Amino acid sequence: MKNIVMYDFGENWSRWEPIAGLAKKYHLDELISGSNGLIIKLLEAGNMSRGIKLTFKDSVCAYRITEEGFRLRLMNDLAAKYGANFYSGCTLFKVEKSFYLKWISEQSFAYDDGLPGFVQFSILAMDDFVDIISNYEPEIFFFEV
């Protein structure tokens, strides 16, 4: 039987509450990457007629989207490090000392210093996780469907 070991890349996760009045959990409704930047629409869990829209108007360094079932180790590690309710009551996070950011930096060759000024934003939505590497915060606003 394979032992499951908590991996620790030294990441520090914190809840990110950029605007007041956020719901605890959201579903990913839409992710659009194009000439208008990266646009992410999230709908409230339990009230699919309300949501928030995150807009990264300029380009972002990188982003990835992963189905929740393929991030079970992350969920396990977050619960072990921060407690069982850490991610269950929140959708938006910032990650310091990000493994994803470190990997992007290593892949670029040009940024041996680790991409100073860049941060990982993580969206732990219901069913989907989105990680974004950017050097600025997105515009965020509420919308009604």
Protein backbone atom coordinates (compact mmCIF):
# COMPACT_ATOMS: atom_id res chain seq x y z
CA MET A 1 0.00 0.00 0.00
CA LYS A 2 1.32 3.42 -0.94
CA ASN A 3 1.86 5.84 1.92
CA ILE A 4 0.35 9.26 1.38
CA VAL A 5 2.77 11.87 2.59
CA MET A 6 1.94 15.53 2.92
CA TYR A 7 4.18 17.46 0.57
CA ASP A 8 5.35 20.84 1.72
CA PHE A 9 6.84 23.30 -0.71
CA GLY A 10 6.80 26.01 1.91
CA GLU A 11 3.69 27.59 0.44
CA ASN A 12 1.74 29.99 2.62
CA TRP A 13 -1.95 30.24 1.80
CA SER A 14 -4.21 33.05 3.00
CA ARG A 15 -7.84 33.81 2.41
CA TRP A 16 -8.26 36.72 0.02
CA GLU A 17 -11.25 38.99 0.52
CA PRO A 18 -10.75 41.84 -1.97
CA ILE A 19 -14.31 43.19 -1.62
CA ALA A 20 -16.92 43.08 1.13
CA GLY A 21 -19.99 40.90 0.85
CA LEU A 22 -18.48 37.83 -0.81
CA ALA A 23 -20.31 34.53 -0.53
CA LYS A 24 -18.41 31.67 1.08
CA LYS A 25 -18.34 29.41 -1.98
CA TYR A 26 -18.72 29.90 -5.72
CA HIS A 27 -19.02 27.74 -8.82
CA LEU A 28 -16.86 28.49 -11.85
CA ASP A 29 -19.25 29.66 -14.55
CA GLU A 30 -16.92 30.95 -17.23
CA LEU A 31 -13.23 31.52 -17.91
CA ILE A 32 -12.31 33.56 -20.98
CA SER A 33 -8.76 34.32 -22.10
CA GLY A 34 -8.50 36.70 -25.02
CA SER A 35 -7.73 40.20 -26.19
CA ASN A 36 -9.67 41.66 -23.24
CA GLY A 37 -7.45 39.82 -20.75
CA LEU A 38 -8.44 36.97 -18.47
CA ILE A 39 -12.07 37.08 -17.31
CA ILE A 40 -13.41 34.71 -14.67
CA LYS A 41 -17.09 34.57 -13.74
CA LEU A 42 -18.12 32.81 -10.55
CA LEU A 43 -21.70 32.11 -9.43
CA GLU A 44 -22.68 31.85 -5.77
CA ALA A 45 -23.18 28.34 -4.48
CA GLY A 46 -26.81 28.18 -3.43
CA ASN A 47 -27.83 31.30 -5.40
CA MET A 48 -26.85 30.88 -9.04
CA SER A 49 -28.44 34.24 -9.95
CA ARG A 50 -25.63 36.22 -8.27
CA GLY A 51 -21.96 36.16 -8.93
CA ILE A 52 -18.65 37.94 -9.11
CA LYS A 53 -16.52 38.75 -12.12
CA LEU A 54 -12.74 38.95 -11.88
CA THR A 55 -11.02 40.75 -14.75
CA PHE A 56 -7.28 40.73 -15.31
CA LYS A 57 -7.26 43.42 -18.04
CA ASP A 58 -3.62 43.03 -18.99
CA SER A 59 -1.90 39.77 -19.67
CA VAL A 60 -1.17 37.41 -16.81
CA CYS A 61 2.03 35.40 -16.52
CA ALA A 62 0.20 32.06 -16.43
CA TYR A 63 -2.98 30.35 -15.38
CA ARG A 64 -4.24 26.80 -15.06
CA ILE A 65 -7.59 25.20 -14.38
CA THR A 66 -7.87 21.81 -12.74
CA GLU A 67 -10.88 19.69 -11.85
CA GLU A 68 -11.17 19.44 -8.07
CA GLY A 69 -10.75 15.65 -8.05
CA PHE A 70 -7.18 16.04 -9.32
CA ARG A 71 -6.25 18.37 -6.44
CA LEU A 72 -7.20 16.11 -3.53
CA ARG A 73 -3.68 16.16 -2.15
CA LEU A 74 -3.77 19.95 -2.02
CA MET A 75 -7.09 19.86 -0.17
CA ASN A 76 -5.67 17.31 2.27
CA ASP A 77 -2.53 19.38 2.84
CA LEU A 78 -4.47 22.63 3.35
CA ALA A 79 -6.71 20.91 5.91
CA ALA A 80 -3.67 19.48 7.70
CA LYS A 81 -1.82 22.81 7.78
CA TYR A 82 -4.68 25.27 8.38
CA GLY A 83 -7.62 23.20 9.68
CA ALA A 84 -10.54 21.42 8.06
CA ASN A 85 -12.61 24.58 7.50
CA PHE A 86 -9.87 26.67 5.91
CA TYR A 87 -10.90 26.24 2.30
CA SER A 88 -14.47 25.04 2.80
CA GLY A 89 -15.67 28.50 3.83
CA CYS A 90 -13.80 30.53 1.22
CA THR A 91 -13.17 30.54 -2.53
CA LEU A 92 -10.47 33.18 -3.11
CA PHE A 93 -6.88 32.81 -1.89
CA LYS A 94 -3.41 34.25 -2.31
CA VAL A 95 -0.38 31.99 -2.14
CA GLU A 96 3.05 33.15 -1.00
CA LYS A 97 6.13 31.06 -1.77
CA SER A 98 4.05 29.41 -4.46
CA PHE A 99 5.31 26.20 -6.03
CA TYR A 100 3.51 27.11 -9.27
CA LEU A 101 5.23 30.52 -9.35
CA LYS A 102 8.58 28.88 -8.62
CA TRP A 103 8.02 26.44 -11.49
CA ILE A 104 7.08 29.26 -13.91
CA SER A 105 10.19 31.18 -12.86
CA GLU A 106 12.43 28.14 -13.41
CA GLN A 107 10.90 27.49 -16.83
CA SER A 108 11.58 31.03 -18.02
CA PHE A 109 15.38 31.05 -17.49
CA ALA A 110 15.14 34.85 -17.45
CA TYR A 111 13.88 35.11 -13.89
CA ASP A 112 16.36 33.43 -11.59
CA ASP A 113 15.20 35.82 -8.85
CA GLY A 114 11.76 34.18 -8.69
CA LEU A 115 9.63 36.80 -10.50
CA PRO A 116 9.57 39.54 -7.84
CA GLY A 117 6.25 41.35 -7.62
CA PHE A 118 4.26 38.39 -8.93
CA VAL A 119 1.77 36.47 -6.80
CA GLN A 120 -0.40 33.40 -7.17
CA PHE A 121 -4.14 33.93 -6.88
CA SER A 122 -6.08 30.69 -6.35
CA ILE A 123 -9.78 30.15 -6.82
CA LEU A 124 -10.98 27.02 -5.05
CA ALA A 125 -14.42 26.94 -6.59
CA MET A 126 -16.89 24.09 -6.30
CA ASP A 127 -15.57 21.41 -8.69
CA ASP A 128 -12.77 23.49 -10.30
CA PHE A 129 -9.57 25.12 -9.10
CA VAL A 130 -8.02 28.04 -10.99
CA ASP A 131 -4.49 29.30 -10.29
CA ILE A 132 -3.32 32.61 -11.77
CA ILE A 133 0.16 34.12 -11.67
CA SER A 134 0.03 37.90 -12.03
CA ASN A 135 1.83 41.02 -10.90
CA TYR A 136 -1.42 42.93 -10.26
CA GLU A 137 -4.81 42.30 -8.68
CA PRO A 138 -7.86 41.91 -10.89
CA GLU A 139 -10.86 44.21 -10.98
CA ILE A 140 -13.73 42.53 -9.16
CA PHE A 141 -17.42 43.33 -9.11
CA PHE A 142 -20.76 41.68 -8.38
CA PHE A 143 -23.29 40.90 -11.09
CA GLU A 144 -26.80 39.49 -11.35
CA VAL A 145 -27.80 36.85 -13.90
